[in-house]
All heavy atoms as atom14 arrays in JSON, in Angstrom:
{
  "sequence": "RGNITPAERETLKKNQYVVDVTGNRIVYSNEFKKHFMSE",
  "atom14_mask": [
    [1, 1, 1, 1, 1, 1, 1, 1, 1, 1, 1, 0, 0, 0],
    [1, 1, 1, 1, 0, 0, 0, 0, 0, 0, 0, 0, 0, 0],
    [1, 1, 1, 1, 1, 1, 1, 1, 0, 0, 0, 0, 0, 0],
    [1, 1, 1, 1, 1, 1, 1, 1, 0, 0, 0, 0, 0, 0],
    [1, 1, 1, 1, 1, 1, 1, 0, 0, 0, 0, 0, 0, 0],
    [1, 1, 1, 1, 1, 1, 1, 0, 0, 0, 0, 0, 0, 0],
    [1, 1, 1, 1, 1, 0, 0, 0, 0, 0, 0, 0, 0, 0],
    [1, 1, 1, 1, 1, 1, 1, 1, 1, 0, 0, 0, 0, 0],
    [1, 1, 1, 1, 1, 1, 1, 1, 1, 1, 1, 0, 0, 0],
    [1, 1, 1, 1, 1, 1, 1, 1, 1, 0, 0, 0, 0, 0],
    [1, 1, 1, 1, 1, 1, 1, 0, 0, 0, 0, 0, 0, 0],
    [1, 1, 1, 1, 1, 1, 1, 1, 0, 0, 0, 0, 0, 0],
    [1, 1, 1, 1, 1, 1, 1, 1, 1, 0, 0, 0, 0, 0],
    [1, 1, 1, 1, 1, 1, 1, 1, 1, 0, 0, 0, 0, 0],
    [1, 1, 1, 1, 1, 1, 1, 1, 0, 0, 0, 0, 0, 0],
    [1, 1, 1, 1, 1, 1, 1, 1, 1, 0, 0, 0, 0, 0],
    [1, 1, 1, 1, 1, 1, 1, 1, 1, 1, 1, 1, 0, 0],
    [1, 1, 1, 1, 1, 1, 1, 0, 0, 0, 0, 0, 0, 0],
    [1, 1, 1, 1, 1, 1, 1, 0, 0, 0, 0, 0, 0, 0],
    [1, 1, 1, 1, 1, 1, 1, 1, 0, 0, 0, 0, 0, 0],
    [1, 1, 1, 1, 1, 1, 1, 0, 0, 0, 0, 0, 0, 0],
    [1, 1, 1, 1, 1, 1, 1, 0, 0, 0, 0, 0, 0, 0],
    [1, 1, 1, 1, 0, 0, 0, 0, 0, 0, 0, 0, 0, 0],
    [1, 1, 1, 1, 1, 1, 1, 1, 0, 0, 0, 0, 0, 0],
    [1, 1, 1, 1, 1, 1, 1, 1, 1, 1, 1, 0, 0, 0],
    [1, 1, 1, 1, 1, 1, 1, 1, 0, 0, 0, 0, 0, 0],
    [1, 1, 1, 1, 1, 1, 1, 0, 0, 0, 0, 0, 0, 0],
    [1, 1, 1, 1, 1, 1, 1, 1, 1, 1, 1, 1, 0, 0],
    [1, 1, 1, 1, 1, 1, 0, 0, 0, 0, 0, 0, 0, 0],
    [1, 1, 1, 1, 1, 1, 1, 1, 0, 0, 0, 0, 0, 0],
    [1, 1, 1, 1, 1, 1, 1, 1, 1, 0, 0, 0, 0, 0],
    [1, 1, 1, 1, 1, 1, 1, 1, 1, 1, 1, 0, 0, 0],
    [1, 1, 1, 1, 1, 1, 1, 1, 1, 0, 0, 0, 0, 0],
    [1, 1, 1, 1, 1, 1, 1, 1, 1, 0, 0, 0, 0, 0],
    [1, 1, 1, 1, 1, 1, 1, 1, 1, 1, 0, 0, 0, 0],
    [1, 1, 1, 1, 1, 1, 1, 1, 1, 1, 1, 0, 0, 0],
    [1, 1, 1, 1, 1, 1, 1, 1, 0, 0, 0, 0, 0, 0],
    [1, 1, 1, 1, 1, 1, 0, 0, 0, 0, 0, 0, 0, 0],
    [1, 1, 1, 1, 1, 1, 1, 1, 1, 0, 0, 0, 0, 0]
  ],
  "atom14_positions": [
    [[103.05, 114.29, 110.14], [104.03, 114.79, 111.1], [104.69, 113.6, 111.78], [104.02, 112.71, 112.28], [103.36, 115.67, 112.14], [102.65, 116.84, 111.54], [102.28, 117.84, 112.61], [101.35, 118.82, 112.12], [101.68, 119.87, 111.39], [102.91, 120.07, 111.04], [100.78, 120.73, 111.0], [0.0, 0.0, 0.0], [0.0, 0.0, 0.0], [0.0, 0.0, 0.0]],
    [[106.01, 113.6, 111.79], [106.72, 112.54, 112.48], [106.62, 111.21, 111.76], [106.7, 111.15, 110.54], [0.0, 0.0, 0.0], [0.0, 0.0, 0.0], [0.0, 0.0, 0.0], [0.0, 0.0, 0.0], [0.0, 0.0, 0.0], [0.0, 0.0, 0.0], [0.0, 0.0, 0.0], [0.0, 0.0, 0.0], [0.0, 0.0, 0.0], [0.0, 0.0, 0.0]],
    [[106.42, 110.17, 112.54], [106.38, 108.82, 111.98], [105.14, 108.58, 111.13], [104.1, 109.18, 111.36], [106.47, 107.78, 113.09], [107.86, 107.71, 113.7], [108.83, 108.11, 113.07], [107.94, 107.21, 114.91], [0.0, 0.0, 0.0], [0.0, 0.0, 0.0], [0.0, 0.0, 0.0], [0.0, 0.0, 0.0], [0.0, 0.0, 0.0], [0.0, 0.0, 0.0]],
    [[105.29, 107.67, 110.19], [104.2, 107.29, 109.31], [103.49, 106.08, 109.92], [104.13, 105.07, 110.2], [104.74, 106.96, 107.9], [105.54, 108.14, 107.36], [103.61, 106.59, 106.96], [106.42, 107.79, 106.17], [0.0, 0.0, 0.0], [0.0, 0.0, 0.0], [0.0, 0.0, 0.0], [0.0, 0.0, 0.0], [0.0, 0.0, 0.0], [0.0, 0.0, 0.0]],
    [[102.2, 106.2, 110.14], [101.45, 105.12, 110.78], [101.32, 103.92, 109.84], [101.46, 104.06, 108.61], [100.03, 105.58, 111.16], [99.29, 105.81, 109.97], [100.06, 106.83, 112.03], [0.0, 0.0, 0.0], [0.0, 0.0, 0.0], [0.0, 0.0, 0.0], [0.0, 0.0, 0.0], [0.0, 0.0, 0.0], [0.0, 0.0, 0.0], [0.0, 0.0, 0.0]],
    [[101.02, 102.74, 110.38], [100.82, 101.57, 109.51], [99.75, 101.79, 108.45], [99.92, 101.39, 107.3], [100.42, 100.47, 110.5], [101.12, 100.86, 111.77], [101.02, 102.37, 111.8], [0.0, 0.0, 0.0], [0.0, 0.0, 0.0], [0.0, 0.0, 0.0], [0.0, 0.0, 0.0], [0.0, 0.0, 0.0], [0.0, 0.0, 0.0], [0.0, 0.0, 0.0]],
    [[98.65, 102.45, 108.79], [97.59, 102.71, 107.81], [98.09, 103.65, 106.71], [97.79, 103.45, 105.53], [96.37, 103.32, 108.51], [0.0, 0.0, 0.0], [0.0, 0.0, 0.0], [0.0, 0.0, 0.0], [0.0, 0.0, 0.0], [0.0, 0.0, 0.0], [0.0, 0.0, 0.0], [0.0, 0.0, 0.0], [0.0, 0.0, 0.0], [0.0, 0.0, 0.0]],
    [[98.85, 104.66, 107.1], [99.41, 105.58, 106.11], [100.42, 104.87, 105.21], [100.47, 105.13, 104.0], [100.07, 106.77, 106.81], [99.07, 107.68, 107.5], [99.71, 108.71, 108.41], [100.85, 108.49, 108.88], [99.06, 109.74, 108.66], [0.0, 0.0, 0.0], [0.0, 0.0, 0.0], [0.0, 0.0, 0.0], [0.0, 0.0, 0.0], [0.0, 0.0, 0.0]],
    [[101.21, 103.96, 105.78], [102.17, 103.19, 104.98], [101.45, 102.37, 103.92], [101.87, 102.31, 102.77], [103.02, 102.29, 105.87], [104.06, 103.05, 106.66], [105.1, 102.16, 107.27], [104.62, 101.22, 108.25], [104.61, 101.44, 109.56], [105.06, 102.57, 110.06], [104.17, 100.52, 110.39], [0.0, 0.0, 0.0], [0.0, 0.0, 0.0], [0.0, 0.0, 0.0]],
    [[100.35, 101.75, 104.3], [99.58, 100.95, 103.34], [99.04, 101.83, 102.21], [99.07, 101.42, 101.05], [98.45, 100.2, 104.04], [98.92, 99.07, 104.93], [99.81, 98.08, 104.2], [99.45, 97.62, 103.09], [100.89, 97.76, 104.73], [0.0, 0.0, 0.0], [0.0, 0.0, 0.0], [0.0, 0.0, 0.0], [0.0, 0.0, 0.0], [0.0, 0.0, 0.0]],
    [[98.58, 103.01, 102.55], [98.08, 103.94, 101.53], [99.22, 104.34, 100.59], [99.06, 104.33, 99.37], [97.48, 105.2, 102.19], [96.37, 104.8, 103.0], [97.02, 106.21, 101.15], [0.0, 0.0, 0.0], [0.0, 0.0, 0.0], [0.0, 0.0, 0.0], [0.0, 0.0, 0.0], [0.0, 0.0, 0.0], [0.0, 0.0, 0.0], [0.0, 0.0, 0.0]],
    [[100.36, 104.69, 101.14], [101.5, 105.11, 100.33], [102.01, 103.99, 99.43], [102.4, 104.22, 98.29], [102.63, 105.63, 101.22], [102.38, 106.98, 101.87], [103.41, 107.26, 102.96], [102.37, 108.09, 100.84], [0.0, 0.0, 0.0], [0.0, 0.0, 0.0], [0.0, 0.0, 0.0], [0.0, 0.0, 0.0], [0.0, 0.0, 0.0], [0.0, 0.0, 0.0]],
    [[102.02, 102.75, 99.93], [102.51, 101.61, 99.15], [101.69, 101.38, 97.88], [102.19, 100.8, 96.93], [102.52, 100.34, 99.99], [103.63, 100.28, 100.99], [103.56, 98.99, 101.78], [104.62, 98.94, 102.86], [104.55, 97.69, 103.63], [0.0, 0.0, 0.0], [0.0, 0.0, 0.0], [0.0, 0.0, 0.0], [0.0, 0.0, 0.0], [0.0, 0.0, 0.0]],
    [[100.46, 101.85, 97.88], [99.6, 101.67, 96.71], [99.96, 102.63, 95.57], [99.54, 102.43, 94.45], [98.14, 101.86, 97.11], [97.63, 100.77, 98.02], [96.22, 101.04, 98.47], [95.79, 99.98, 99.48], [94.47, 100.3, 100.04], [0.0, 0.0, 0.0], [0.0, 0.0, 0.0], [0.0, 0.0, 0.0], [0.0, 0.0, 0.0], [0.0, 0.0, 0.0]],
    [[100.75, 103.66, 95.87], [101.13, 104.63, 94.84], [102.23, 104.04, 93.97], [103.23, 103.51, 94.48], [101.6, 105.93, 95.48], [101.84, 107.02, 94.46], [102.74, 106.91, 93.64], [101.02, 108.05, 94.5], [0.0, 0.0, 0.0], [0.0, 0.0, 0.0], [0.0, 0.0, 0.0], [0.0, 0.0, 0.0], [0.0, 0.0, 0.0], [0.0, 0.0, 0.0]],
    [[102.07, 104.14, 92.67], [103.02, 103.55, 91.73], [104.43, 104.13, 91.85], [105.39, 103.52, 91.4], [102.52, 103.77, 90.3], [102.49, 105.22, 89.87], [102.03, 105.42, 88.45], [102.08, 104.5, 87.65], [101.55, 106.62, 88.13], [0.0, 0.0, 0.0], [0.0, 0.0, 0.0], [0.0, 0.0, 0.0], [0.0, 0.0, 0.0], [0.0, 0.0, 0.0]],
    [[104.56, 105.3, 92.45], [105.86, 105.96, 92.55], [106.58, 105.68, 93.86], [107.65, 106.24, 94.09], [105.69, 107.47, 92.38], [105.18, 107.87, 91.02], [103.99, 108.58, 90.88], [105.88, 107.55, 89.86], [103.52, 108.96, 89.64], [105.42, 107.92, 88.62], [104.25, 108.62, 88.51], [103.79, 108.99, 87.26], [0.0, 0.0, 0.0], [0.0, 0.0, 0.0]],
    [[106.02, 104.83, 94.7], [106.66, 104.5, 95.97], [107.33, 103.13, 95.84], [106.69, 102.14, 95.51], [105.63, 104.48, 97.13], [106.26, 103.96, 98.41], [105.08, 105.88, 97.34], [0.0, 0.0, 0.0], [0.0, 0.0, 0.0], [0.0, 0.0, 0.0], [0.0, 0.0, 0.0], [0.0, 0.0, 0.0], [0.0, 0.0, 0.0], [0.0, 0.0, 0.0]],
    [[108.64, 103.11, 96.11], [109.4, 101.87, 96.07], [109.31, 101.16, 97.41], [109.14, 99.95, 97.49], [110.88, 102.14, 95.71], [111.71, 100.88, 95.79], [110.97, 102.75, 94.32], [0.0, 0.0, 0.0], [0.0, 0.0, 0.0], [0.0, 0.0, 0.0], [0.0, 0.0, 0.0], [0.0, 0.0, 0.0], [0.0, 0.0, 0.0], [0.0, 0.0, 0.0]],
    [[109.41, 101.94, 98.5], [109.33, 101.37, 99.84], [108.92, 102.46, 100.81], [109.13, 103.65, 100.55], [110.69, 100.79, 100.25], [110.63, 99.98, 101.53], [109.57, 99.35, 101.79], [111.63, 99.95, 102.27], [0.0, 0.0, 0.0], [0.0, 0.0, 0.0], [0.0, 0.0, 0.0], [0.0, 0.0, 0.0], [0.0, 0.0, 0.0], [0.0, 0.0, 0.0]],
    [[108.35, 102.05, 101.91], [107.97, 103.0, 102.96], [108.12, 102.3, 104.31], [107.76, 101.14, 104.45], [106.54, 103.56, 102.74], [105.5, 102.47, 102.74], [106.21, 104.62, 103.75], [0.0, 0.0, 0.0], [0.0, 0.0, 0.0], [0.0, 0.0, 0.0], [0.0, 0.0, 0.0], [0.0, 0.0, 0.0], [0.0, 0.0, 0.0], [0.0, 0.0, 0.0]],
    [[108.72, 103.02, 105.25], [108.86, 102.51, 106.62], [108.18, 103.51, 107.54], [107.53, 104.45, 107.08], [110.35, 102.37, 107.0], [110.95, 103.67, 107.03], [111.1, 101.47, 106.02], [0.0, 0.0, 0.0], [0.0, 0.0, 0.0], [0.0, 0.0, 0.0], [0.0, 0.0, 0.0], [0.0, 0.0, 0.0], [0.0, 0.0, 0.0], [0.0, 0.0, 0.0]],
    [[108.37, 103.34, 108.82], [107.76, 104.25, 109.78], [108.25, 105.68, 109.7], [107.58, 106.59, 110.16], [0.0, 0.0, 0.0], [0.0, 0.0, 0.0], [0.0, 0.0, 0.0], [0.0, 0.0, 0.0], [0.0, 0.0, 0.0], [0.0, 0.0, 0.0], [0.0, 0.0, 0.0], [0.0, 0.0, 0.0], [0.0, 0.0, 0.0], [0.0, 0.0, 0.0]],
    [[109.43, 105.88, 109.1], [109.96, 107.24, 109.03], [110.63, 107.58, 107.7], [111.28, 108.61, 107.58], [110.95, 107.49, 110.17], [112.13, 106.55, 110.12], [112.26, 105.74, 109.21], [112.99, 106.64, 111.1], [0.0, 0.0, 0.0], [0.0, 0.0, 0.0], [0.0, 0.0, 0.0], [0.0, 0.0, 0.0], [0.0, 0.0, 0.0], [0.0, 0.0, 0.0]],
    [[110.47, 106.73, 106.69], [111.15, 106.97, 105.41], [110.3, 106.51, 104.24], [109.69, 105.45, 104.28], [112.47, 106.22, 105.41], [113.29, 106.44, 104.18], [114.61, 105.72, 104.29], [115.41, 106.06, 103.14], [116.49, 105.42, 102.78], [116.92, 104.41, 103.49], [117.16, 105.78, 101.71], [0.0, 0.0, 0.0], [0.0, 0.0, 0.0], [0.0, 0.0, 0.0]],
    [[110.32, 107.32, 103.18], [109.65, 106.95, 101.94], [110.71, 106.93, 100.85], [111.48, 107.89, 100.71], [108.55, 107.95, 101.55], [107.52, 108.08, 102.67], [107.88, 107.54, 100.25], [106.59, 109.26, 102.51], [0.0, 0.0, 0.0], [0.0, 0.0, 0.0], [0.0, 0.0, 0.0], [0.0, 0.0, 0.0], [0.0, 0.0, 0.0], [0.0, 0.0, 0.0]],
    [[110.79, 105.84, 100.1], [111.7, 105.76, 98.96], [110.85, 105.9, 97.7], [109.97, 105.09, 97.45], [112.48, 104.41, 98.94], [113.4, 104.36, 97.73], [113.26, 104.23, 100.23], [0.0, 0.0, 0.0], [0.0, 0.0, 0.0], [0.0, 0.0, 0.0], [0.0, 0.0, 0.0], [0.0, 0.0, 0.0], [0.0, 0.0, 0.0], [0.0, 0.0, 0.0]],
    [[111.13, 106.98, 96.96], [110.39, 107.27, 95.74], [111.12, 106.68, 94.55], [112.35, 106.58, 94.55], [110.25, 108.79, 95.55], [109.55, 109.48, 96.69], [110.28, 110.02, 97.74], [108.17, 109.59, 96.72], [109.64, 110.66, 98.79], [107.53, 110.23, 97.76], [108.26, 110.76, 98.8], [107.63, 111.39, 99.84], [0.0, 0.0, 0.0], [0.0, 0.0, 0.0]],
    [[110.39, 106.32, 93.51], [111.0, 105.76, 92.31], [111.78, 106.85, 91.57], [111.47, 108.04, 91.66], [109.94, 105.17, 91.38], [109.17, 106.2, 90.8], [0.0, 0.0, 0.0], [0.0, 0.0, 0.0], [0.0, 0.0, 0.0], [0.0, 0.0, 0.0], [0.0, 0.0, 0.0], [0.0, 0.0, 0.0], [0.0, 0.0, 0.0], [0.0, 0.0, 0.0]],
    [[112.78, 106.41, 90.83], [113.54, 107.34, 89.99], [112.62, 107.99, 88.96], [112.79, 109.15, 88.61], [114.7, 106.63, 89.32], [115.82, 106.33, 90.3], [115.94, 106.97, 91.33], [116.63, 105.35, 89.98], [0.0, 0.0, 0.0], [0.0, 0.0, 0.0], [0.0, 0.0, 0.0], [0.0, 0.0, 0.0], [0.0, 0.0, 0.0], [0.0, 0.0, 0.0]],
    [[111.65, 107.22, 88.49], [110.67, 107.75, 87.53], [109.96, 108.97, 88.11], [109.78, 109.99, 87.43], [109.65, 106.67, 87.18], [108.56, 107.13, 86.25], [107.47, 106.07, 86.04], [107.54, 104.98, 86.65], [106.54, 106.36, 85.28], [0.0, 0.0, 0.0], [0.0, 0.0, 0.0], [0.0, 0.0, 0.0], [0.0, 0.0, 0.0], [0.0, 0.0, 0.0]],
    [[109.57, 108.89, 89.39], [108.89, 110.03, 90.01], [109.83, 111.21, 90.18], [109.45, 112.36, 89.96], [108.27, 109.66, 91.36], [107.57, 110.82, 91.99], [106.47, 111.41, 91.39], [108.03, 111.36, 93.18], [105.83, 112.51, 91.96], [107.4, 112.46, 93.75], [106.3, 113.03, 93.14], [0.0, 0.0, 0.0], [0.0, 0.0, 0.0], [0.0, 0.0, 0.0]],
    [[111.08, 110.95, 90.57], [112.04, 112.03, 90.75], [112.24, 112.79, 89.43], [112.27, 114.02, 89.41], [113.37, 111.5, 91.26], [113.29, 110.93, 92.65], [114.6, 110.28, 93.04], [114.47, 109.49, 94.32], [115.74, 108.82, 94.65], [0.0, 0.0, 0.0], [0.0, 0.0, 0.0], [0.0, 0.0, 0.0], [0.0, 0.0, 0.0], [0.0, 0.0, 0.0]],
    [[112.35, 112.06, 88.34], [112.5, 112.7, 87.02], [111.23, 113.48, 86.66], [111.31, 114.6, 86.16], [112.78, 111.64, 85.95], [114.14, 111.01, 86.09], [114.3, 109.87, 85.09], [115.56, 109.08, 85.35], [115.65, 107.89, 84.49], [0.0, 0.0, 0.0], [0.0, 0.0, 0.0], [0.0, 0.0, 0.0], [0.0, 0.0, 0.0], [0.0, 0.0, 0.0]],
    [[110.08, 112.86, 86.92], [108.8, 113.52, 86.65], [108.7, 114.8, 87.49], [108.3, 115.86, 86.99], [107.65, 112.57, 86.97], [106.31, 113.22, 86.96], [105.67, 113.6, 85.8], [105.49, 113.6, 87.99], [104.52, 114.17, 86.11], [104.39, 114.18, 87.43], [0.0, 0.0, 0.0], [0.0, 0.0, 0.0], [0.0, 0.0, 0.0], [0.0, 0.0, 0.0]],
    [[109.05, 114.69, 88.76], [108.99, 115.84, 89.65], [109.83, 116.99, 89.1], [109.36, 118.12, 89.01], [109.47, 115.46, 91.06], [109.5, 116.64, 91.99], [108.4, 116.97, 92.74], [110.63, 117.45, 92.08], [108.4, 118.09, 93.57], [110.65, 118.56, 92.89], [109.54, 118.88, 93.65], [0.0, 0.0, 0.0], [0.0, 0.0, 0.0], [0.0, 0.0, 0.0]],
    [[111.08, 116.71, 88.74], [111.96, 117.76, 88.26], [111.46, 118.37, 86.96], [111.52, 119.59, 86.77], [113.39, 117.25, 88.11], [114.12, 117.11, 89.43], [114.07, 118.57, 90.51], [114.75, 119.85, 89.45], [0.0, 0.0, 0.0], [0.0, 0.0, 0.0], [0.0, 0.0, 0.0], [0.0, 0.0, 0.0], [0.0, 0.0, 0.0], [0.0, 0.0, 0.0]],
    [[110.93, 117.56, 86.08], [110.39, 118.07, 84.82], [109.23, 119.03, 85.08], [109.18, 120.13, 84.51], [109.92, 116.9, 83.96], [109.28, 117.37, 82.8], [0.0, 0.0, 0.0], [0.0, 0.0, 0.0], [0.0, 0.0, 0.0], [0.0, 0.0, 0.0], [0.0, 0.0, 0.0], [0.0, 0.0, 0.0], [0.0, 0.0, 0.0], [0.0, 0.0, 0.0]],
    [[108.33, 118.63, 85.94], [107.18, 119.47, 86.28], [107.62, 120.73, 87.03], [107.11, 121.82, 86.78], [106.18, 118.68, 87.13], [105.54, 117.51, 86.4], [104.57, 117.95, 85.34], [103.55, 118.56, 85.7], [104.84, 117.71, 84.15], [0.0, 0.0, 0.0], [0.0, 0.0, 0.0], [0.0, 0.0, 0.0], [0.0, 0.0, 0.0], [0.0, 0.0, 0.0]]
  ]
}
């Protein structure tokens, strides 16, 4: 909910489908977006 904590950002950065993450934004890879739509 709301902002992403520093600990949560570190967890998200470890995911292969995350390009970048800030306190309030996650940038997902195009690969994941295509995978998401296919599924």
